Protein backbone atom coordinates (compact mmCIF):
# COMPACT_ATOMS: atom_id res chain seq x y z
CA MET A 1 0.00 0.00 0.00
CA ASN A 2 1.32 3.45 -0.91
CA SER A 3 1.89 5.67 2.13
CA THR A 4 -0.50 8.26 0.70
CA ASP A 5 -3.29 5.64 0.80
CA GLN A 6 -2.73 4.80 4.46
CA SER A 7 -5.13 5.95 7.16
CA ALA A 8 -3.95 8.24 9.96
CA ILE A 9 -3.73 5.35 12.41
CA GLU A 10 -1.62 3.32 9.96
CA LYS A 11 0.77 6.23 9.43
CA ILE A 12 1.11 6.82 13.17
CA ALA A 13 1.74 3.12 13.84
CA ALA A 14 4.38 3.08 11.11
CA ASN A 15 6.06 6.11 12.66
CA VAL A 16 6.20 4.38 16.05
CA VAL A 17 8.02 1.41 14.53
CA GLU A 18 10.20 3.14 11.94
CA THR A 19 11.50 6.20 13.81
CA LYS A 20 15.25 6.11 14.40
CA PHE A 21 17.21 8.04 17.00
CA GLU A 22 19.06 9.71 14.11
CA ASP A 23 15.74 11.22 12.97
CA ILE A 24 15.66 13.41 16.08
CA ASP A 25 17.11 16.89 15.58
CA ASN A 26 19.37 18.47 18.20
CA VAL A 27 16.82 21.06 19.33
CA THR A 28 14.22 18.37 20.01
CA LEU A 29 16.84 16.23 21.74
CA ASP A 30 17.87 19.04 24.09
CA LYS A 31 14.25 19.90 24.91
CA THR A 32 13.56 16.24 25.60
CA LYS A 33 16.45 15.96 28.03
CA TYR A 34 15.32 19.01 29.99
CA ARG A 35 11.71 17.79 29.98
CA ILE A 36 12.89 14.47 31.41
CA ILE A 37 14.92 16.32 34.04
CA ASP A 38 11.90 18.43 34.96
CA THR A 39 9.51 15.47 35.15
CA LEU A 40 11.81 13.28 37.21
CA GLY A 41 12.52 16.22 39.52
CA CYS A 42 8.78 16.56 40.06
CA LEU A 43 8.57 12.81 40.70
CA ILE A 44 11.23 13.12 43.38
CA GLY A 45 9.49 16.12 44.92
CA GLY A 46 6.09 14.41 44.87
CA SER A 47 7.24 11.00 46.05
CA THR A 48 5.80 11.20 49.56
CA ASP A 49 2.81 13.45 48.85
CA VAL A 50 -0.51 12.52 50.44
CA GLY A 51 -1.62 9.02 49.45
CA ASN A 52 1.56 8.03 47.63
CA PRO A 53 3.18 5.86 50.34
CA GLU A 54 -0.13 4.04 50.71
CA LEU A 55 -0.32 3.45 46.95
CA VAL A 56 3.22 2.09 46.95
CA ASN A 57 2.39 -0.23 49.84
CA LEU A 58 -0.65 -1.55 47.97
CA PHE A 59 1.51 -2.49 44.99
CA ARG A 60 4.12 -4.05 47.24
CA ASP A 61 1.46 -6.10 49.03
CA THR A 62 0.00 -7.20 45.70
CA GLY A 63 3.41 -8.52 44.70
CA GLY A 64 3.96 -10.19 41.35
CA LYS A 65 6.91 -10.51 39.02
CA GLU A 66 9.77 -8.16 39.92
CA GLU A 67 10.16 -6.32 36.62
CA ALA A 68 10.71 -2.64 37.37
CA THR A 69 11.44 -0.30 40.26
CA ILE A 70 9.12 1.99 42.19
CA LEU A 71 11.36 5.04 42.22
CA ILE A 72 12.44 6.74 45.47
CA HIS A 73 10.61 4.12 47.57
CA GLY A 74 12.49 1.16 46.10
CA GLY A 75 11.34 -2.39 45.47
CA LYS A 76 10.43 -4.10 42.19
CA VAL A 77 6.91 -4.96 41.03
CA PRO A 78 5.26 -5.77 37.68
CA VAL A 79 6.20 -3.09 35.15
CA GLY A 80 2.64 -1.76 34.76
CA ASN A 81 2.30 -1.23 38.51
CA ALA A 82 5.72 0.44 38.74
CA ALA A 83 4.81 2.83 35.92
CA PHE A 84 1.48 3.53 37.65
CA ALA A 85 3.15 4.53 40.94
CA ASN A 86 5.94 6.49 39.27
CA SER A 87 3.49 8.48 37.15
CA VAL A 88 1.29 9.36 40.12
CA MET A 89 4.33 10.68 41.99
CA ALA A 90 5.28 12.85 39.00
CA ARG A 91 1.85 14.52 38.98
CA SER A 92 1.50 14.96 42.72
CA PHE A 93 2.22 18.70 43.00
CA ASP A 94 0.78 19.49 39.57
CA PHE A 95 4.28 20.72 38.80
CA GLU A 96 5.36 18.62 35.81
CA PRO A 97 5.51 19.79 32.13
CA VAL A 98 2.19 20.58 30.47
CA SER A 99 0.54 21.83 27.29
CA PRO A 100 1.82 20.12 24.13
CA LEU A 101 2.69 22.48 21.31
CA VAL A 102 1.73 21.04 17.92
CA ASP A 103 2.82 23.09 14.92
CA GLY A 104 2.39 26.29 16.94
CA PHE A 105 -0.95 25.24 18.45
CA SER A 106 -0.92 24.86 22.25
CA CYS A 107 -3.56 22.94 24.16
CA PRO A 108 -3.95 21.91 27.82
CA GLY A 109 -2.49 18.53 28.68
CA HIS A 110 -0.41 16.62 31.22
CA ILE A 111 1.32 14.11 28.98
CA SER A 112 4.88 14.00 30.34
CA GLY A 113 3.77 13.00 33.83
CA THR A 114 2.72 9.67 32.33
CA THR A 115 5.04 9.18 29.38
CA VAL A 116 8.37 10.05 31.00
CA PRO A 117 8.02 7.74 34.03
CA SER A 118 6.51 5.03 31.81
CA ALA A 119 9.36 5.23 29.29
CA LEU A 120 11.96 4.99 32.06
CA THR A 121 10.10 2.14 33.78
CA MET A 122 9.63 0.14 30.57
CA ALA A 123 13.20 0.86 29.51
CA GLU A 124 14.44 -0.55 32.80
CA ALA A 125 12.28 -3.66 32.40
CA VAL A 126 13.68 -4.47 28.95
CA ASN A 127 17.16 -3.09 29.73
CA VAL A 128 17.86 -0.66 26.91
CA ASP A 129 20.21 2.27 26.45
CA GLY A 130 19.49 5.98 26.61
CA LYS A 131 18.99 6.42 22.87
CA GLN A 132 16.30 3.75 22.80
CA MET A 133 14.54 5.29 25.79
CA ILE A 134 14.56 8.73 24.17
CA THR A 135 13.25 7.41 20.85
CA SER A 136 10.46 5.40 22.47
CA LEU A 137 9.48 8.36 24.64
CA LEU A 138 9.30 10.74 21.69
CA VAL A 139 7.09 8.52 19.52
CA GLY A 140 4.70 8.19 22.46
CA ASP A 141 4.71 11.90 23.28
CA ASP A 142 4.23 12.71 19.62
CA MET A 143 1.21 10.46 19.26
CA ALA A 144 -0.47 11.70 22.44
CA SER A 145 0.18 15.33 21.51
CA ARG A 146 -1.21 14.92 18.00
CA ILE A 147 -4.35 13.16 19.23
CA LEU A 148 -4.94 15.84 21.84
CA ALA A 149 -4.39 18.72 19.41
CA GLY A 150 -6.86 17.13 17.01
CA SER A 151 -9.77 17.85 19.34
CA GLY A 152 -8.65 19.67 22.47
CA PHE A 153 -8.74 18.72 26.13
CA GLY A 154 -12.48 17.98 26.26
CA PHE A 155 -13.60 20.08 29.23
CA SER A 156 -17.23 20.21 28.08
CA LEU A 157 -17.74 16.43 28.11
CA GLY A 158 -16.10 15.90 31.49
CA TRP A 159 -13.44 13.43 30.37
CA ASP A 160 -9.98 14.24 31.67
CA GLY A 161 -7.72 13.97 28.61
CA VAL A 162 -4.90 12.77 30.86
CA GLY A 163 -6.72 9.48 31.20
CA THR A 164 -7.32 9.14 27.46
CA VAL A 165 -4.56 10.49 25.18
CA ASN A 166 -1.81 9.55 27.66
CA ALA A 167 -2.80 5.90 27.39
CA PHE A 168 -2.29 6.01 23.61
CA GLY A 169 1.09 7.64 24.09
CA THR A 170 2.20 5.04 26.60
CA ALA A 171 0.96 2.25 24.33
CA ALA A 172 3.20 3.63 21.58
CA THR A 173 6.22 3.90 23.89
CA ALA A 174 5.70 0.44 25.38
CA GLY A 175 5.03 -1.07 21.95
CA ARG A 176 8.26 0.37 20.64
CA LEU A 177 10.28 -0.98 23.59
CA LEU A 178 8.61 -4.40 23.36
CA GLY A 179 9.57 -4.64 19.68
CA LEU A 180 6.04 -4.74 18.27
CA ASN A 181 5.60 -4.62 14.51
CA GLN A 182 3.34 -2.08 12.83
CA ARG A 183 0.31 -4.36 12.88
CA GLN A 184 0.77 -5.15 16.56
CA VAL A 185 1.11 -1.45 17.40
CA ARG A 186 -2.24 -0.80 15.73
CA HIS A 187 -3.76 -3.58 17.80
CA ALA A 188 -2.28 -2.05 20.94
CA PHE A 189 -4.04 1.23 20.11
CA GLY A 190 -7.30 -0.63 19.57
CA ILE A 191 -6.90 -2.55 22.80
CA VAL A 192 -6.17 0.54 24.90
CA LEU A 193 -9.32 2.19 23.53
CA ASN A 194 -11.17 -0.17 25.88
CA MET A 195 -9.28 1.15 28.91
CA LEU A 196 -9.74 4.92 28.61
CA GLY A 197 -11.48 7.03 31.21
CA THR A 198 -11.18 9.40 34.21
CA THR A 199 -13.28 12.45 35.03
CA PHE A 200 -12.67 16.10 35.83
CA GLN A 201 -14.92 15.68 38.85
CA THR A 202 -11.91 14.35 40.76
CA ILE A 203 -10.37 17.82 40.44
CA TRP A 204 -13.58 19.76 40.99
CA ASP A 205 -14.17 17.90 44.25
CA ALA A 206 -10.53 18.34 45.37
CA THR A 207 -9.76 14.64 45.74
CA THR A 208 -6.54 12.68 46.00
CA SER A 209 -7.58 10.85 42.85
CA PHE A 210 -6.91 13.93 40.67
CA LYS A 211 -3.49 12.36 40.05
CA LEU A 212 -4.87 8.83 39.56
CA CYS A 213 -5.45 9.31 35.83
CA GLN A 214 -1.72 9.72 35.32
CA GLY A 215 -1.06 6.20 36.62
CA LEU A 216 -4.12 4.57 35.10
CA ALA A 217 -3.04 5.74 31.64
CA ALA A 218 0.48 4.41 32.24
CA ARG A 219 -0.66 0.95 33.23
CA ALA A 220 -3.31 0.76 30.51
CA GLY A 221 -0.84 1.69 27.77
CA ILE A 222 1.71 -0.86 28.92
CA PHE A 223 -0.88 -3.63 29.33
CA SER A 224 -2.29 -2.98 25.86
CA ALA A 225 1.16 -3.36 24.32
CA GLN A 226 1.77 -6.55 26.31
CA LEU A 227 -1.55 -7.99 25.10
CA ALA A 228 -0.78 -7.06 21.51
CA LYS A 229 2.57 -8.80 21.77
CA ALA A 230 0.77 -11.86 23.15
CA GLY A 231 -1.45 -11.96 20.05
CA TRP A 232 -4.54 -10.04 21.11
CA THR A 233 -6.28 -7.82 18.57
CA GLY A 234 -8.20 -4.58 18.85
CA PRO A 235 -10.33 -2.32 16.66
CA GLU A 236 -8.67 -1.45 13.36
CA ASP A 237 -8.93 2.32 13.77
CA ALA A 238 -8.86 3.37 17.41
CA LEU A 239 -9.15 7.05 16.51
CA LEU A 240 -11.54 7.77 13.65
CA SER A 241 -13.80 4.71 13.42
CA GLN A 242 -17.54 4.77 14.18
CA PHE A 243 -16.96 4.18 17.88
CA GLY A 244 -13.34 5.27 18.08
CA TYR A 245 -11.69 7.76 20.40
CA TYR A 246 -12.91 10.95 18.73
CA LYS A 247 -16.52 9.72 18.59
CA MET A 248 -16.62 8.38 22.15
CA PHE A 249 -14.52 10.84 24.13
CA THR A 250 -14.50 14.17 22.25
CA GLU A 251 -16.70 16.49 20.23
CA GLY A 252 -14.96 15.23 17.11
CA CYS A 253 -11.60 15.56 15.40
CA GLN A 254 -11.76 19.22 14.46
CA ARG A 255 -8.14 19.48 13.30
CA PRO A 256 -7.35 16.17 11.53
CA GLU A 257 -4.30 17.71 9.87
CA PHE A 258 -2.48 17.52 13.20
CA LEU A 259 -2.64 13.73 13.21
CA THR A 260 -0.18 13.25 10.37
CA GLY A 261 1.19 16.70 9.45
CA LYS A 262 5.01 16.64 9.55
CA LEU A 263 4.82 13.08 10.90
CA GLY A 264 8.33 11.68 11.16
CA GLU A 265 9.80 15.18 10.80
CA ALA A 266 8.55 16.94 13.93
CA TYR A 267 8.15 15.18 17.29
CA TYR A 268 5.68 17.04 19.48
CA ALA A 269 5.47 17.01 23.28
CA ASP A 270 4.59 19.09 26.33
CA SER A 271 6.31 22.45 25.94
CA THR A 272 5.39 24.45 29.03
CA ILE A 273 7.65 24.05 32.05
CA LYS A 274 5.88 25.30 35.17
CA PRO A 275 7.63 27.58 37.66
CA TYR A 276 5.01 26.99 40.37
CA PRO A 277 3.57 23.74 41.83
CA CYS A 278 -0.12 24.38 41.15
CA CYS A 279 -2.68 24.62 38.36
CA ARG A 280 -1.27 26.44 35.33
CA ILE A 281 -4.20 28.85 34.99
CA PRO A 282 -3.24 31.15 37.95
CA HIS A 283 0.45 31.31 36.98
CA ALA A 284 0.21 34.72 35.32
CA ALA A 285 -1.46 36.13 38.42
CA ILE A 286 1.33 34.69 40.58
CA ASP A 287 3.94 36.29 38.28
CA GLY A 288 2.19 39.64 38.56
CA ALA A 289 1.88 39.44 42.34
CA LEU A 290 5.54 38.49 42.81
CA GLU A 291 6.71 41.30 40.53
CA LEU A 292 4.74 43.86 42.55
CA ILE A 293 6.08 42.44 45.81
CA ASN A 294 9.67 42.61 44.61
CA LYS A 295 9.35 46.03 42.97
CA TYR A 296 7.59 47.82 45.84
CA SER A 297 8.63 45.69 48.86
CA ILE A 298 4.98 45.24 49.76
CA LYS A 299 4.15 43.93 53.23
CA THR A 300 0.92 42.01 53.74
CA GLU A 301 -0.12 44.22 56.64
CA ASP A 302 -0.08 47.22 54.27
CA ILE A 303 -2.61 45.61 51.87
CA ARG A 304 -6.31 46.45 52.03
CA GLU A 305 -7.36 44.42 48.98
CA VAL A 306 -6.01 42.45 46.03
CA ASN A 307 -8.21 42.57 42.95
CA LEU A 308 -7.41 40.02 40.23
CA GLU A 309 -8.85 40.94 36.85
CA LEU A 310 -9.17 37.71 34.88
CA ALA A 311 -10.85 36.19 31.85
CA GLN A 312 -14.23 34.71 32.70
CA GLY A 313 -12.93 31.36 31.45
CA GLY A 314 -10.13 31.48 33.98
CA ILE A 315 -12.56 32.17 36.81
CA ASP A 316 -14.84 29.37 35.62
CA HIS A 317 -11.96 26.90 35.82
CA LYS A 318 -11.10 27.93 39.37
CA CYS A 319 -12.26 24.75 41.05
CA GLY A 320 -10.35 24.78 44.34
CA ASP A 321 -12.20 26.26 47.31
CA PRO A 322 -9.77 27.73 49.84
CA PHE A 323 -12.56 28.21 52.35
CA THR A 324 -13.38 24.48 52.40
CA ILE A 325 -10.16 22.66 53.21
CA GLY A 326 -11.82 19.24 53.01
CA ASP A 327 -10.32 15.76 53.25
CA PHE A 328 -7.50 16.57 50.82
CA PRO A 329 -6.40 20.17 51.54
CA HIS A 330 -3.76 20.07 48.82
CA GLY A 331 -6.47 19.56 46.19
CA ASN A 332 -8.29 22.74 47.15
CA ALA A 333 -5.13 24.80 47.51
CA ALA A 334 -3.43 23.81 44.24
CA PHE A 335 -6.48 24.74 42.14
CA SER A 336 -7.40 27.97 43.91
CA TYR A 337 -6.54 31.49 42.71
CA GLU A 338 -7.02 32.83 46.23
CA TYR A 339 -4.73 30.33 47.92
CA VAL A 340 -1.81 30.64 45.51
CA ILE A 341 -1.99 34.44 45.47
CA ALA A 342 -2.19 34.60 49.27
CA THR A 343 0.86 32.33 49.35
CA ALA A 344 2.75 34.61 46.96
CA PHE A 345 2.09 37.68 49.12
CA LEU A 346 2.80 35.96 52.43
CA HIS A 347 5.93 34.07 51.42
CA GLY A 348 7.27 35.97 48.42
CA CYS A 349 7.38 32.69 46.47
CA VAL A 350 5.23 29.65 45.65
CA LYS A 351 6.99 26.33 46.29
CA PRO A 352 6.08 22.72 47.08
CA GLU A 353 6.41 23.26 50.83
CA HIS A 354 3.52 25.70 50.65
CA PHE A 355 1.13 22.88 49.69
CA THR A 356 1.63 20.71 52.75
CA GLU A 357 -1.32 20.49 55.13
CA LYS A 358 0.59 22.48 57.74
CA ALA A 359 1.16 25.35 55.31
CA ILE A 360 -2.42 25.28 54.03
CA ARG A 361 -3.81 25.47 57.57
CA ASP A 362 -1.60 28.46 58.45
CA SER A 363 -3.97 31.05 59.96
CA ARG A 364 -2.15 33.85 58.11
CA ILE A 365 -3.39 32.34 54.84
CA SER A 366 -7.01 32.12 55.97
CA ASP A 367 -6.82 35.67 57.32
CA PHE A 368 -5.45 37.06 54.04
CA ILE A 369 -7.67 35.19 51.56
CA PRO A 370 -10.80 37.37 52.18
CA LYS A 371 -8.81 40.36 50.86
CA ILE A 372 -8.54 38.72 47.42
CA LYS A 373 -11.28 39.46 44.89
CA LEU A 374 -11.74 37.93 41.43
CA THR A 375 -13.20 40.13 38.71
CA ALA A 376 -14.05 39.14 35.14
CA ALA A 377 -12.52 41.49 32.57
CA ASP A 378 -13.29 41.30 28.86
CA ASP A 379 -9.87 42.65 27.88
CA VAL A 380 -7.90 39.98 29.76
CA ARG A 381 -6.88 36.89 27.80
CA PHE A 382 -7.45 33.38 29.19
CA GLU A 383 -4.52 32.50 31.51
CA ALA A 384 -3.45 36.18 31.59
CA ALA A 385 -4.05 38.41 34.60
CA ARG A 386 -4.09 41.98 35.83
CA VAL A 387 -3.14 42.23 39.49
CA ASN A 388 -4.31 45.30 41.39
CA VAL A 389 -3.06 45.82 44.94
CA ILE A 390 -4.91 48.45 46.97
CA LEU A 391 -2.85 49.60 49.94
CA ASN A 392 -4.23 50.85 53.23
CA ASP A 393 -3.34 54.43 52.25
CA GLY A 394 -5.48 54.12 49.09
CA LYS A 395 -2.57 53.81 46.67
CA ILE A 396 -3.16 51.30 43.85
CA LEU A 397 -0.34 49.22 42.37
CA THR A 398 -1.05 47.37 39.11
CA LYS A 399 0.73 44.76 37.06
CA SER A 400 -0.63 43.19 33.86
CA GLN A 401 0.82 39.80 32.97
CA GLU A 402 -0.05 38.66 29.47
CA TYR A 403 2.03 35.48 29.36
CA ALA A 404 3.02 33.51 32.42
CA LYS A 405 6.56 32.35 33.03
CA GLY A 406 7.04 29.04 31.24
CA ASP A 407 5.10 29.92 28.09
CA PRO A 408 7.29 28.29 25.40
CA GLN A 409 6.64 30.91 22.76
CA HIS A 410 6.56 34.17 24.73
CA ASN A 411 8.10 33.66 28.19
CA PRO A 412 9.98 30.35 28.37
CA MET A 413 11.85 28.90 31.31
CA SER A 414 15.58 28.90 30.62
CA GLN A 415 17.73 25.80 31.03
CA ASP A 416 19.12 27.35 34.21
CA ASP A 417 15.54 27.87 35.45
CA ILE A 418 14.75 24.20 34.86
CA ILE A 419 17.89 23.06 36.68
CA SER A 420 17.06 25.36 39.60
CA LYS A 421 13.56 23.91 39.74
CA PHE A 422 15.04 20.39 39.76
CA TRP A 423 17.07 21.29 42.85
CA THR A 424 13.99 22.83 44.49
CA ASN A 425 12.24 19.47 44.17
CA VAL A 426 15.24 17.48 45.35
CA GLU A 427 15.73 19.66 48.42
CA PHE A 428 12.03 19.60 49.28
CA SER A 429 11.91 15.82 49.04
CA GLY A 430 15.07 15.11 51.01
CA LYS A 431 14.94 11.54 49.69
CA ILE A 432 18.18 11.38 47.73
CA SER A 433 21.56 12.86 48.55
CA LYS A 434 23.00 15.92 46.83
CA GLN A 435 25.68 13.72 45.33
CA LYS A 436 23.15 11.30 43.86
CA ALA A 437 21.06 14.18 42.56
CA SER A 438 24.12 15.78 40.96
CA ASN A 439 25.07 12.49 39.33
CA LEU A 440 21.48 12.03 38.16
CA LEU A 441 21.45 15.47 36.59
CA ASP A 442 24.70 14.83 34.76
CA THR A 443 23.44 11.42 33.59
CA LEU A 444 20.22 12.87 32.20
CA LEU A 445 22.05 15.66 30.39
CA ASN A 446 24.07 12.93 28.68
CA LEU A 447 21.22 10.44 28.34
CA ASP A 448 21.96 9.71 24.69
CA LYS A 449 25.40 8.41 25.71
CA LEU A 450 24.09 6.09 28.46
CA ASP A 451 24.58 2.34 27.96
CA SER A 452 21.79 1.27 30.33
CA VAL A 453 18.92 3.23 31.87
CA GLY A 454 19.37 1.10 34.96
CA THR A 455 21.93 3.73 35.98
CA ILE A 456 19.13 6.33 36.20
CA VAL A 457 16.96 4.04 38.31
CA ARG A 458 19.77 3.41 40.78
CA LEU A 459 20.25 7.15 41.21
CA ILE A 460 16.54 7.70 42.02
CA THR A 461 16.34 5.05 44.70
CA PRO A 462 17.90 5.30 48.17
């Protein structure tokens, strides 16, 4: 069959199998290394977040074949379970890379939190080198990013795209590492279609399970590839068939050109590196608040009111309720404009330690939050913000922030910023030594020269 006659799913499956490390340009390679550094730093920082030790213990108690390592905690379990736990840890502070950029089009997504830990976990299980891990990761990231860009994140239907597109991406990565042929890769995509899910309600209700979708997608993608290797079959076209992904989980594939445009030439992935461990939407407001604090040396006791002028869409997506701490305080705090802005003014920064239960229950936070007002403004772009600080003497200080720090096109994090963030996570965690962390950083920067990814695993376990 001529390549021009192939369907999108056939072309994507072929790309998964046929991509060579040499096809990856140096810019993409460098970005991939820093994205891996960022994601694994977030995994280290989130390793003991609420619920994670209990999840690890469940997998240990379940037992099974010792195939891959649960990072930081140690111990080997079946590869799907290890990838599950490792992915959940990466998402725990909502700090990992987000928002794939596909041919200049950016859309919300949390792909790396699943694909990076899954690629490392699978690569350990089959014992490959750094080049093979990078290549398998990129074909998975690329597929997930293209599928997501084809329709968008799917807010209106309630499906969390993390639990859908990430599973396809992991299936591609796992299929590549398991040596599947093109036909088997297509079957893996069809098989994983049966295992998609997860709901935004877990975020709206501020539950621990907001990070569950990251792990579910990891395990589903790996299991689908394992089944395909064992001879199982799935629907021929997991994406565009009558009851395929776009029909079942989205409002349709509105941008089909993203599925195969520049396929094999450009490898797409998350492109936004977050400077703050919380929902991306309030980041511009945090930037604005911190700039005012630093410029005018503002003290909280001098503030009468903070008025955040925001897009209505941004306010609508503010799902954390800082006034109702609930059973999982972190869930309310990380998705609340009021909490993160109060934190910025009180601490002069927003870091992982500010999302512990002790920090969230700090009475200074609850006393300051009532001073923060949210106002819809027609001239403020979604994810932008205008921060107005009204002082006790009536003076008004204003900062408009159009693009938050981390925006890949307008306000990117530098390589030094990403390294600094890595150390922030390592120091917060306290789970690996400075020497190990330094060796890990050097290893990841030279990942394409690594003979076995087992070296990475040993550096992320005590």
